[in-house]
């Protein structure tokens, strides 16, 4: 392969190559390592990416909270806050959770407008437009558009939420104990505060 042809390798292909580094077990140390590596890799890609190029994060990668959060934080920090981001959700053909598309859109918008609130990366709710797309695909997905260009696609395993909240501790046991995590599904609207005794 010539040097010129090598330079033309698509950003999508390079992101998919990272999936080979994904852990095949639940070892927290490896997941944290992947998070750091994933964030640096995504940040490098985004710094070189124009809005005419689409990055695809496959469903095996989005099943890892750390990788998903690192990828999405790259978008939030790379796209200028004065730009409008349009997010369109599609259900997968085998998904049975009726509101799964809306849940993913909720998490995406809350992350973009609330997670970085008070920082240089914060953006107003008016700058994030969400919609549920017509039709179904083999896998559920979220498409992100900036300036009319599809810049990012996240694919999902059936009925899986878009996990972008804090990834720490025992994720499945402690994920809803953090106040910030309660802004996102699966914790949003499902965790009730204990009633105070009179």
N, C-alpha and C. Protein backbone atom coordinates (compact mmCIF):
# COMPACT_ATOMS: atom_id res chain seq x y z
N UNK A 1 0.85 -1.19 0.00
CA UNK A 1 0.00 0.00 0.00
C UNK A 1 0.88 1.24 0.00
N UNK A 2 0.58 2.20 -0.86
CA UNK A 2 1.38 3.40 -0.97
C UNK A 2 1.09 4.31 0.21
N UNK A 3 2.03 5.27 0.55
CA UNK A 3 1.78 6.20 1.63
C UNK A 3 0.52 7.02 1.42
N UNK A 4 0.25 7.38 0.13
CA UNK A 4 -0.92 8.21 -0.13
C UNK A 4 -2.21 7.45 0.13
N UNK A 5 -2.25 6.18 -0.27
CA UNK A 5 -3.46 5.39 -0.03
C UNK A 5 -3.66 5.15 1.44
N UNK A 6 -2.56 5.03 2.20
CA UNK A 6 -2.66 4.84 3.63
C UNK A 6 -3.28 6.04 4.31
N UNK A 7 -2.96 7.26 3.79
CA UNK A 7 -3.49 8.46 4.38
C UNK A 7 -4.98 8.60 4.15
N UNK A 8 -5.49 7.88 3.15
CA UNK A 8 -6.90 7.98 2.81
C UNK A 8 -7.77 7.02 3.60
N UNK A 9 -7.15 6.25 4.50
CA UNK A 9 -7.93 5.32 5.32
C UNK A 9 -9.00 6.09 6.08
N UNK A 10 -10.24 5.64 6.03
CA UNK A 10 -11.35 6.38 6.63
C UNK A 10 -11.27 6.39 8.14
N UNK A 11 -11.77 7.47 8.73
CA UNK A 11 -11.81 7.58 10.18
C UNK A 11 -12.69 6.48 10.77
N UNK A 12 -13.75 6.12 10.03
CA UNK A 12 -14.64 5.06 10.49
C UNK A 12 -13.89 3.75 10.66
N UNK A 13 -13.05 3.42 9.69
CA UNK A 13 -12.31 2.17 9.76
C UNK A 13 -11.37 2.18 10.95
N UNK A 14 -10.75 3.34 11.22
CA UNK A 14 -9.81 3.41 12.32
C UNK A 14 -10.51 3.26 13.67
N UNK A 15 -11.71 3.81 13.80
CA UNK A 15 -12.44 3.63 15.05
C UNK A 15 -12.82 2.18 15.24
N UNK A 16 -13.24 1.51 14.16
CA UNK A 16 -13.62 0.11 14.26
C UNK A 16 -12.42 -0.75 14.65
N UNK A 17 -11.21 -0.34 14.23
CA UNK A 17 -10.03 -1.11 14.60
C UNK A 17 -9.83 -1.11 16.11
N UNK A 18 -10.27 -0.04 16.78
CA UNK A 18 -10.11 0.05 18.22
C UNK A 18 -10.91 -1.00 18.95
N UNK A 19 -11.96 -1.51 18.28
CA UNK A 19 -12.80 -2.51 18.94
C UNK A 19 -12.01 -3.77 19.29
N UNK A 20 -10.91 -3.99 18.57
CA UNK A 20 -10.08 -5.16 18.87
C UNK A 20 -9.43 -5.04 20.24
N UNK A 21 -9.35 -3.79 20.75
CA UNK A 21 -8.75 -3.57 22.07
C UNK A 21 -9.77 -3.68 23.19
N UNK A 22 -11.05 -3.81 22.84
CA UNK A 22 -12.10 -3.86 23.85
C UNK A 22 -11.99 -5.12 24.69
N UNK A 23 -12.18 -5.01 26.01
CA UNK A 23 -12.10 -6.19 26.87
C UNK A 23 -13.25 -7.13 26.63
N UNK A 24 -13.02 -8.42 26.80
CA UNK A 24 -14.06 -9.42 26.62
C UNK A 24 -14.58 -9.92 27.96
N UNK A 25 -14.21 -9.22 29.04
CA UNK A 25 -14.75 -9.58 30.35
C UNK A 25 -15.08 -8.30 31.09
N UNK A 26 -15.49 -8.44 32.36
CA UNK A 26 -15.95 -7.28 33.11
C UNK A 26 -14.89 -6.73 34.05
N UNK A 27 -13.65 -7.03 33.79
CA UNK A 27 -12.58 -6.57 34.65
C UNK A 27 -12.53 -5.05 34.66
N UNK A 28 -12.76 -4.43 35.84
CA UNK A 28 -12.86 -2.98 35.93
C UNK A 28 -11.57 -2.28 35.53
N UNK A 29 -10.42 -2.85 35.91
CA UNK A 29 -9.15 -2.23 35.58
C UNK A 29 -8.95 -2.11 34.09
N UNK A 30 -9.30 -3.17 33.36
CA UNK A 30 -9.16 -3.13 31.91
C UNK A 30 -10.13 -2.13 31.30
N UNK A 31 -11.34 -2.04 31.85
CA UNK A 31 -12.31 -1.10 31.32
C UNK A 31 -11.85 0.34 31.51
N UNK A 32 -11.26 0.63 32.67
CA UNK A 32 -10.76 1.97 32.92
C UNK A 32 -9.63 2.29 31.95
N UNK A 33 -8.76 1.30 31.72
CA UNK A 33 -7.69 1.50 30.76
C UNK A 33 -8.24 1.79 29.38
N UNK A 34 -9.28 1.07 29.00
CA UNK A 34 -9.91 1.29 27.71
C UNK A 34 -10.50 2.69 27.64
N UNK A 35 -11.08 3.14 28.77
CA UNK A 35 -11.67 4.47 28.79
C UNK A 35 -10.63 5.54 28.47
N UNK A 36 -9.48 5.46 29.12
CA UNK A 36 -8.42 6.44 28.88
C UNK A 36 -7.91 6.36 27.45
N UNK A 37 -7.64 5.13 27.00
CA UNK A 37 -7.16 4.94 25.64
C UNK A 37 -8.20 5.39 24.63
N UNK A 38 -9.46 5.03 24.90
CA UNK A 38 -10.53 5.40 23.98
C UNK A 38 -10.68 6.90 23.88
N UNK A 39 -10.60 7.60 25.02
CA UNK A 39 -10.76 9.05 25.00
C UNK A 39 -9.65 9.70 24.19
N UNK A 40 -8.41 9.28 24.41
CA UNK A 40 -7.29 9.86 23.66
C UNK A 40 -7.42 9.58 22.17
N UNK A 41 -7.84 8.36 21.85
CA UNK A 41 -7.97 7.98 20.45
C UNK A 41 -9.08 8.79 19.78
N UNK A 42 -10.24 8.89 20.46
CA UNK A 42 -11.36 9.65 19.91
C UNK A 42 -10.99 11.12 19.78
N UNK A 43 -10.30 11.67 20.78
CA UNK A 43 -9.91 13.07 20.72
C UNK A 43 -8.99 13.33 19.53
N UNK A 44 -8.07 12.40 19.27
CA UNK A 44 -7.16 12.55 18.12
C UNK A 44 -7.94 12.54 16.82
N UNK A 45 -8.89 11.60 16.72
CA UNK A 45 -9.69 11.51 15.49
C UNK A 45 -10.50 12.77 15.28
N UNK A 46 -11.17 13.24 16.35
CA UNK A 46 -12.00 14.42 16.21
C UNK A 46 -11.19 15.65 15.86
N UNK A 47 -9.97 15.74 16.36
CA UNK A 47 -9.14 16.90 16.07
C UNK A 47 -8.73 16.94 14.61
N UNK A 48 -8.78 15.76 13.95
CA UNK A 48 -8.40 15.68 12.54
C UNK A 48 -9.62 15.57 11.62
N UNK A 49 -10.81 15.50 12.22
CA UNK A 49 -12.00 15.19 11.44
C UNK A 49 -12.74 16.44 11.01
N UNK A 50 -13.18 16.47 9.75
CA UNK A 50 -14.06 17.52 9.28
C UNK A 50 -15.48 17.00 9.42
N UNK A 51 -16.46 17.89 9.34
CA UNK A 51 -17.83 17.50 9.54
C UNK A 51 -18.37 16.66 8.39
N UNK A 52 -17.56 16.47 7.33
CA UNK A 52 -18.02 15.65 6.21
C UNK A 52 -17.71 14.17 6.42
N UNK A 53 -17.05 13.85 7.52
CA UNK A 53 -16.67 12.47 7.79
C UNK A 53 -17.47 11.92 8.97
N UNK A 54 -17.93 10.69 8.84
CA UNK A 54 -18.75 10.07 9.88
C UNK A 54 -17.95 9.03 10.65
N UNK A 55 -18.03 9.10 11.98
CA UNK A 55 -17.41 8.12 12.85
C UNK A 55 -18.51 7.20 13.37
N UNK A 56 -18.29 5.89 13.29
CA UNK A 56 -19.27 4.91 13.75
C UNK A 56 -18.74 4.18 14.98
N UNK A 57 -19.54 4.19 16.05
CA UNK A 57 -19.20 3.44 17.26
C UNK A 57 -20.14 2.24 17.30
N UNK A 58 -19.59 1.03 17.20
CA UNK A 58 -20.45 -0.14 17.05
C UNK A 58 -21.08 -0.58 18.37
N UNK A 59 -22.00 -1.54 18.29
CA UNK A 59 -22.81 -1.92 19.45
C UNK A 59 -21.99 -2.62 20.53
N UNK A 60 -20.88 -3.25 20.17
CA UNK A 60 -20.05 -3.87 21.21
C UNK A 60 -19.34 -2.80 22.02
N UNK A 61 -18.96 -1.71 21.36
CA UNK A 61 -18.30 -0.61 22.06
C UNK A 61 -19.27 0.16 22.95
N UNK A 62 -20.50 0.38 22.47
CA UNK A 62 -21.46 1.13 23.28
C UNK A 62 -21.98 0.31 24.46
N UNK A 63 -21.68 -0.98 24.51
CA UNK A 63 -22.06 -1.78 25.67
C UNK A 63 -21.11 -1.52 26.84
N UNK A 64 -20.01 -0.81 26.60
CA UNK A 64 -19.05 -0.46 27.63
C UNK A 64 -19.27 0.99 28.04
N UNK A 65 -19.69 1.20 29.27
CA UNK A 65 -19.99 2.54 29.76
C UNK A 65 -18.80 3.48 29.56
N UNK A 66 -17.60 3.01 29.91
CA UNK A 66 -16.41 3.86 29.83
C UNK A 66 -16.12 4.30 28.40
N UNK A 67 -16.24 3.37 27.45
CA UNK A 67 -15.94 3.71 26.06
C UNK A 67 -16.98 4.67 25.51
N UNK A 68 -18.25 4.43 25.83
CA UNK A 68 -19.32 5.30 25.34
C UNK A 68 -19.16 6.71 25.89
N UNK A 69 -18.88 6.82 27.19
CA UNK A 69 -18.72 8.13 27.80
C UNK A 69 -17.53 8.87 27.21
N UNK A 70 -16.44 8.16 26.97
CA UNK A 70 -15.25 8.79 26.39
C UNK A 70 -15.53 9.28 24.98
N UNK A 71 -16.21 8.46 24.19
CA UNK A 71 -16.54 8.84 22.82
C UNK A 71 -17.45 10.07 22.79
N UNK A 72 -18.48 10.05 23.62
CA UNK A 72 -19.46 11.12 23.59
C UNK A 72 -18.89 12.42 24.16
N UNK A 73 -18.02 12.32 25.15
CA UNK A 73 -17.41 13.53 25.69
C UNK A 73 -16.54 14.19 24.63
N UNK A 74 -15.96 13.37 23.74
CA UNK A 74 -15.19 13.94 22.64
C UNK A 74 -16.04 14.81 21.73
N UNK A 75 -17.27 14.36 21.46
CA UNK A 75 -18.20 15.15 20.65
C UNK A 75 -18.55 16.45 21.37
N UNK A 76 -18.95 16.31 22.64
CA UNK A 76 -19.38 17.47 23.41
C UNK A 76 -18.30 18.54 23.49
N UNK A 77 -17.05 18.12 23.57
CA UNK A 77 -15.96 19.07 23.72
C UNK A 77 -15.40 19.56 22.39
N UNK A 78 -15.63 18.81 21.33
CA UNK A 78 -15.08 19.18 20.03
C UNK A 78 -16.00 20.11 19.25
N UNK A 79 -17.31 19.88 19.31
CA UNK A 79 -18.26 20.71 18.57
C UNK A 79 -18.46 22.02 19.33
N UNK A 80 -18.21 23.16 18.70
CA UNK A 80 -18.39 24.46 19.38
C UNK A 80 -19.78 24.60 19.97
N UNK A 81 -19.87 25.24 21.13
CA UNK A 81 -21.14 25.33 21.84
C UNK A 81 -22.16 26.20 21.12
N UNK A 82 -21.73 27.02 20.16
CA UNK A 82 -22.69 27.84 19.43
C UNK A 82 -23.25 27.11 18.21
N UNK A 83 -22.77 25.88 17.96
CA UNK A 83 -23.28 25.08 16.86
C UNK A 83 -24.50 24.28 17.32
N UNK A 84 -25.46 24.11 16.42
CA UNK A 84 -26.63 23.29 16.72
C UNK A 84 -26.33 21.83 16.39
N UNK A 85 -26.63 20.96 17.34
CA UNK A 85 -26.47 19.52 17.14
C UNK A 85 -27.86 18.90 17.00
N UNK A 86 -28.08 18.18 15.92
CA UNK A 86 -29.34 17.48 15.70
C UNK A 86 -29.11 16.00 15.95
N UNK A 87 -29.94 15.41 16.80
CA UNK A 87 -29.80 14.00 17.15
C UNK A 87 -31.07 13.27 16.74
N UNK A 88 -30.93 12.22 15.94
CA UNK A 88 -32.07 11.42 15.49
C UNK A 88 -31.88 9.98 15.97
N UNK A 89 -32.90 9.45 16.62
CA UNK A 89 -32.85 8.09 17.16
C UNK A 89 -33.71 7.15 16.32
N UNK A 90 -33.23 5.92 16.14
CA UNK A 90 -33.96 4.88 15.43
C UNK A 90 -33.98 3.62 16.29
N UNK A 91 -35.11 2.94 16.31
CA UNK A 91 -35.21 1.67 17.03
C UNK A 91 -34.64 0.55 16.18
N UNK A 92 -34.10 -0.46 16.86
CA UNK A 92 -33.67 -1.66 16.17
C UNK A 92 -34.86 -2.56 15.90
N UNK A 93 -34.75 -3.40 14.89
CA UNK A 93 -35.90 -4.21 14.48
C UNK A 93 -36.34 -5.22 15.54
N UNK A 94 -35.45 -5.59 16.46
CA UNK A 94 -35.81 -6.57 17.48
C UNK A 94 -35.96 -5.96 18.87
N UNK A 95 -35.97 -4.67 18.97
CA UNK A 95 -36.09 -4.03 20.28
C UNK A 95 -37.54 -4.02 20.75
N UNK A 96 -37.73 -4.39 22.01
CA UNK A 96 -39.08 -4.52 22.56
C UNK A 96 -39.44 -3.40 23.53
N UNK A 97 -38.47 -2.63 23.95
CA UNK A 97 -38.75 -1.52 24.87
C UNK A 97 -39.29 -0.36 24.05
N UNK A 98 -40.57 -0.06 24.26
CA UNK A 98 -41.27 0.89 23.40
C UNK A 98 -40.62 2.27 23.36
N UNK A 99 -40.12 2.75 24.50
CA UNK A 99 -39.60 4.11 24.55
C UNK A 99 -38.08 4.16 24.50
N UNK A 100 -37.44 3.13 23.98
CA UNK A 100 -35.98 3.09 24.01
C UNK A 100 -35.36 4.22 23.19
N UNK A 101 -35.97 4.59 22.07
CA UNK A 101 -35.43 5.68 21.26
C UNK A 101 -35.49 6.99 22.03
N UNK A 102 -36.62 7.24 22.69
CA UNK A 102 -36.78 8.46 23.48
C UNK A 102 -35.80 8.48 24.66
N UNK A 103 -35.57 7.34 25.28
CA UNK A 103 -34.62 7.26 26.41
C UNK A 103 -33.21 7.63 25.95
N UNK A 104 -32.82 7.13 24.80
CA UNK A 104 -31.48 7.46 24.29
C UNK A 104 -31.36 8.94 23.94
N UNK A 105 -32.42 9.49 23.37
CA UNK A 105 -32.41 10.92 23.06
C UNK A 105 -32.34 11.76 24.34
N UNK A 106 -33.09 11.35 25.36
CA UNK A 106 -33.06 12.06 26.64
C UNK A 106 -31.63 12.10 27.19
N UNK A 107 -30.96 10.96 27.22
CA UNK A 107 -29.61 10.91 27.77
C UNK A 107 -28.65 11.77 26.96
N UNK A 108 -28.79 11.74 25.64
CA UNK A 108 -27.90 12.53 24.79
C UNK A 108 -28.08 14.02 25.06
N UNK A 109 -29.34 14.47 25.13
CA UNK A 109 -29.59 15.91 25.33
C UNK A 109 -29.19 16.36 26.72
N UNK A 110 -29.51 15.57 27.74
CA UNK A 110 -29.14 15.95 29.10
C UNK A 110 -27.63 16.04 29.24
N UNK A 111 -26.92 15.10 28.63
CA UNK A 111 -25.46 15.14 28.70
C UNK A 111 -24.91 16.40 28.05
N UNK A 112 -25.41 16.74 26.87
CA UNK A 112 -24.90 17.89 26.14
C UNK A 112 -25.27 19.22 26.80
N UNK A 113 -26.37 19.26 27.54
CA UNK A 113 -26.84 20.52 28.11
C UNK A 113 -26.65 20.64 29.62
N UNK A 114 -26.55 19.53 30.33
CA UNK A 114 -26.46 19.57 31.79
C UNK A 114 -25.12 19.12 32.34
N UNK A 115 -24.52 18.11 31.71
CA UNK A 115 -23.31 17.51 32.27
C UNK A 115 -22.17 18.53 32.36
N UNK A 116 -22.06 19.39 31.33
CA UNK A 116 -20.99 20.39 31.31
C UNK A 116 -21.47 21.78 31.72
N UNK A 117 -22.60 21.83 32.37
CA UNK A 117 -23.17 23.11 32.78
C UNK A 117 -22.17 23.90 33.62
N UNK A 118 -21.98 25.18 33.26
CA UNK A 118 -21.04 26.01 33.99
C UNK A 118 -19.62 25.95 33.47
N UNK A 119 -19.38 25.18 32.40
CA UNK A 119 -18.04 25.08 31.81
C UNK A 119 -18.05 25.67 30.40
N UNK A 120 -16.88 25.71 29.78
CA UNK A 120 -16.77 26.23 28.41
C UNK A 120 -17.46 25.34 27.40
N UNK A 121 -17.79 24.10 27.80
CA UNK A 121 -18.40 23.15 26.86
C UNK A 121 -19.92 23.10 26.98
N UNK A 122 -20.48 23.87 27.90
CA UNK A 122 -21.93 23.83 28.08
C UNK A 122 -22.64 24.48 26.89
N UNK A 123 -23.84 24.00 26.60
CA UNK A 123 -24.63 24.58 25.51
C UNK A 123 -26.08 24.63 25.94
N UNK A 124 -26.83 25.55 25.35
CA UNK A 124 -28.23 25.72 25.73
C UNK A 124 -29.08 24.62 25.12
N UNK A 125 -30.21 24.29 25.75
CA UNK A 125 -31.11 23.25 25.22
C UNK A 125 -31.56 23.54 23.80
N UNK A 126 -31.65 24.82 23.44
CA UNK A 126 -32.08 25.19 22.09
C UNK A 126 -31.07 24.77 21.03
N UNK A 127 -29.84 24.49 21.45
CA UNK A 127 -28.80 24.10 20.51
C UNK A 127 -28.73 22.59 20.29
N UNK A 128 -29.63 21.86 20.96
CA UNK A 128 -29.68 20.41 20.79
C UNK A 128 -31.11 20.03 20.40
N UNK A 129 -31.30 19.64 19.15
CA UNK A 129 -32.61 19.28 18.62
C UNK A 129 -32.68 17.76 18.48
N UNK A 130 -33.72 17.16 19.04
CA UNK A 130 -33.85 15.70 19.01
C UNK A 130 -35.13 15.28 18.31
N UNK A 131 -35.09 14.09 17.70
CA UNK A 131 -36.26 13.56 17.01
C UNK A 131 -36.12 12.05 16.88
N UNK A 132 -37.26 11.37 16.82
CA UNK A 132 -37.29 9.93 16.57
C UNK A 132 -37.49 9.74 15.07
N UNK A 133 -36.58 9.00 14.45
CA UNK A 133 -36.65 8.78 13.02
C UNK A 133 -37.71 7.76 12.63
N UNK A 134 -38.16 7.84 11.40
CA UNK A 134 -39.15 6.89 10.87
C UNK A 134 -38.42 5.66 10.33
N UNK A 135 -38.97 4.50 10.63
CA UNK A 135 -38.37 3.26 10.16
C UNK A 135 -37.50 2.61 11.21
N UNK A 136 -37.08 1.38 10.94
CA UNK A 136 -36.24 0.63 11.86
C UNK A 136 -35.02 0.09 11.13
N UNK A 137 -33.98 -0.16 11.92
CA UNK A 137 -32.74 -0.73 11.39
C UNK A 137 -32.44 -2.03 12.14
N UNK A 138 -31.46 -2.75 11.68
CA UNK A 138 -31.10 -4.00 12.34
C UNK A 138 -30.76 -3.75 13.80
N UNK A 139 -30.04 -2.66 14.06
CA UNK A 139 -29.69 -2.26 15.42
C UNK A 139 -30.21 -0.86 15.68
N UNK A 140 -30.55 -0.60 16.95
CA UNK A 140 -30.93 0.76 17.30
C UNK A 140 -29.74 1.68 17.12
N UNK A 141 -30.00 2.95 16.84
CA UNK A 141 -28.88 3.86 16.64
C UNK A 141 -29.26 5.30 16.94
N UNK A 142 -28.23 6.10 17.19
CA UNK A 142 -28.33 7.54 17.32
C UNK A 142 -27.44 8.18 16.27
N UNK A 143 -27.99 9.09 15.49
CA UNK A 143 -27.22 9.83 14.49
C UNK A 143 -27.08 11.27 14.95
N UNK A 144 -25.87 11.81 14.87
CA UNK A 144 -25.58 13.19 15.27
C UNK A 144 -25.17 14.01 14.06
N UNK A 145 -25.88 15.11 13.85
CA UNK A 145 -25.63 15.98 12.71
C UNK A 145 -25.16 17.36 13.18
N UNK A 146 -24.18 17.90 12.48
CA UNK A 146 -23.72 19.28 12.69
C UNK A 146 -23.54 19.92 11.32
N UNK A 147 -24.09 21.09 11.14
CA UNK A 147 -24.02 21.80 9.86
C UNK A 147 -24.54 20.94 8.71
N UNK A 148 -25.55 20.13 8.99
CA UNK A 148 -26.14 19.31 7.94
C UNK A 148 -25.38 18.05 7.61
N UNK A 149 -24.29 17.79 8.32
CA UNK A 149 -23.47 16.61 8.06
C UNK A 149 -23.57 15.60 9.20
N UNK A 150 -23.69 14.33 8.84
CA UNK A 150 -23.69 13.25 9.83
C UNK A 150 -22.27 13.04 10.31
N UNK A 151 -22.01 13.38 11.58
CA UNK A 151 -20.63 13.30 12.09
C UNK A 151 -20.40 12.07 12.95
N UNK A 152 -21.47 11.54 13.55
CA UNK A 152 -21.30 10.42 14.48
C UNK A 152 -22.52 9.53 14.45
N UNK A 153 -22.32 8.21 14.53
CA UNK A 153 -23.39 7.23 14.69
C UNK A 153 -23.02 6.27 15.80
N UNK A 154 -23.92 6.12 16.77
CA UNK A 154 -23.77 5.14 17.83
C UNK A 154 -24.77 4.02 17.59
N UNK A 155 -24.30 2.78 17.55
CA UNK A 155 -25.17 1.62 17.39
C UNK A 155 -25.33 0.92 18.74
N UNK A 156 -26.47 0.24 18.94
CA UNK A 156 -26.78 -0.32 20.25
C UNK A 156 -27.27 -1.76 20.16
N UNK A 157 -26.91 -2.54 21.17
CA UNK A 157 -27.52 -3.85 21.35
C UNK A 157 -28.96 -3.64 21.79
N UNK A 158 -29.79 -4.66 21.60
CA UNK A 158 -31.22 -4.53 21.84
C UNK A 158 -31.55 -4.01 23.24
N UNK A 159 -32.38 -2.97 23.27
CA UNK A 159 -32.94 -2.40 24.50
C UNK A 159 -31.91 -1.80 25.44
N UNK A 160 -30.72 -1.54 24.96
CA UNK A 160 -29.68 -0.98 25.82
C UNK A 160 -29.75 0.54 25.80
N UNK A 161 -29.67 1.14 26.99
CA UNK A 161 -29.68 2.60 27.09
C UNK A 161 -28.37 3.18 26.58
N UNK A 162 -28.40 4.47 26.31
CA UNK A 162 -27.20 5.22 25.92
C UNK A 162 -26.51 5.63 27.22
N UNK A 163 -25.59 4.79 27.71
CA UNK A 163 -24.98 4.99 29.02
C UNK A 163 -23.84 5.99 28.96
N UNK A 164 -24.11 7.21 29.38
CA UNK A 164 -23.08 8.26 29.35
C UNK A 164 -22.89 8.89 30.72
N UNK A 165 -23.56 8.35 31.73
CA UNK A 165 -23.41 8.89 33.08
C UNK A 165 -22.07 8.45 33.66
N UNK A 166 -21.84 8.82 34.91
CA UNK A 166 -20.56 8.50 35.54
C UNK A 166 -20.35 7.00 35.61
N UNK A 167 -19.19 6.55 35.19
CA UNK A 167 -18.84 5.13 35.18
C UNK A 167 -17.84 4.89 36.31
N UNK A 168 -18.33 4.51 37.45
CA UNK A 168 -17.43 4.28 38.58
C UNK A 168 -18.04 3.27 39.53
N UNK A 169 -17.20 2.70 40.38
CA UNK A 169 -17.68 1.72 41.35
C UNK A 169 -18.29 0.51 40.67
N UNK A 170 -19.18 -0.14 41.38
CA UNK A 170 -19.92 -1.25 40.82
C UNK A 170 -21.07 -0.66 40.01
N UNK A 171 -20.89 -0.60 38.68
CA UNK A 171 -21.82 0.14 37.82
C UNK A 171 -23.25 -0.32 38.00
N UNK A 172 -23.47 -1.61 38.02
CA UNK A 172 -24.84 -2.11 38.09
C UNK A 172 -25.44 -2.01 39.48
N UNK A 173 -24.60 -1.88 40.48
CA UNK A 173 -25.09 -1.79 41.86
C UNK A 173 -25.21 -0.34 42.32
N UNK A 174 -24.23 0.49 41.94
CA UNK A 174 -24.13 1.83 42.49
C UNK A 174 -24.46 2.95 41.51
N UNK A 175 -24.82 2.63 40.28
CA UNK A 175 -24.93 3.66 39.25
C UNK A 175 -25.98 4.73 39.56
N UNK A 176 -27.02 4.38 40.33
CA UNK A 176 -28.09 5.34 40.58
C UNK A 176 -27.95 6.06 41.92
N UNK A 177 -26.85 5.83 42.63
CA UNK A 177 -26.65 6.48 43.91
C UNK A 177 -26.12 7.90 43.74
N UNK A 178 -25.45 8.14 42.62
CA UNK A 178 -24.90 9.46 42.36
C UNK A 178 -26.02 10.39 41.89
N UNK A 179 -26.06 11.61 42.41
CA UNK A 179 -27.14 12.55 42.06
C UNK A 179 -27.14 12.86 40.57
N UNK A 180 -25.97 13.01 39.97
CA UNK A 180 -25.90 13.32 38.55
C UNK A 180 -26.43 12.17 37.70
N UNK A 181 -26.16 10.94 38.13
CA UNK A 181 -26.62 9.78 37.38
C UNK A 181 -28.14 9.69 37.32
N UNK A 182 -28.81 10.28 38.30
CA UNK A 182 -30.27 10.23 38.33
C UNK A 182 -30.92 11.10 37.25
N UNK A 183 -30.09 11.90 36.57
CA UNK A 183 -30.61 12.69 35.45
C UNK A 183 -30.76 11.85 34.19
N UNK A 184 -30.13 10.65 34.18
CA UNK A 184 -30.08 9.83 32.99
C UNK A 184 -30.84 8.52 33.18
N UNK A 185 -31.36 7.99 32.08
CA UNK A 185 -31.87 6.63 32.09
C UNK A 185 -30.68 5.67 32.18
N UNK A 186 -30.80 4.55 32.89
CA UNK A 186 -32.01 3.94 33.45
C UNK A 186 -32.44 4.47 34.81
N UNK A 187 -31.68 5.42 35.38
CA UNK A 187 -32.01 5.91 36.72
C UNK A 187 -33.10 6.97 36.71
N UNK A 188 -33.16 7.75 35.67
CA UNK A 188 -34.10 8.87 35.60
C UNK A 188 -35.55 8.41 35.73
N UNK A 189 -36.25 8.98 36.71
CA UNK A 189 -37.67 8.68 36.89
C UNK A 189 -37.98 7.33 37.48
N UNK A 190 -36.93 6.55 37.79
CA UNK A 190 -37.17 5.20 38.29
C UNK A 190 -36.68 5.01 39.72
N UNK A 191 -35.90 5.94 40.21
CA UNK A 191 -35.38 5.84 41.58
C UNK A 191 -36.11 6.86 42.46
N UNK A 192 -36.89 6.40 43.40
CA UNK A 192 -37.65 7.28 44.27
C UNK A 192 -36.88 7.52 45.56
N UNK A 193 -36.90 8.77 45.97
CA UNK A 193 -36.26 9.11 47.23
C UNK A 193 -37.09 8.56 48.39
N UNK A 194 -36.45 8.07 49.45
CA UNK A 194 -37.21 7.55 50.59
C UNK A 194 -38.05 8.65 51.24
N UNK A 195 -39.25 8.30 51.63
CA UNK A 195 -40.13 9.29 52.26
C UNK A 195 -39.64 9.63 53.67
N UNK A 196 -39.73 10.92 53.96
CA UNK A 196 -39.32 11.35 55.29
C UNK A 196 -40.41 11.03 56.29
N UNK A 197 -39.99 10.60 57.46
CA UNK A 197 -40.94 10.30 58.51
C UNK A 197 -41.47 11.59 59.14
N UNK A 198 -42.75 11.59 59.43
CA UNK A 198 -43.36 12.78 60.03
C UNK A 198 -42.90 12.94 61.47
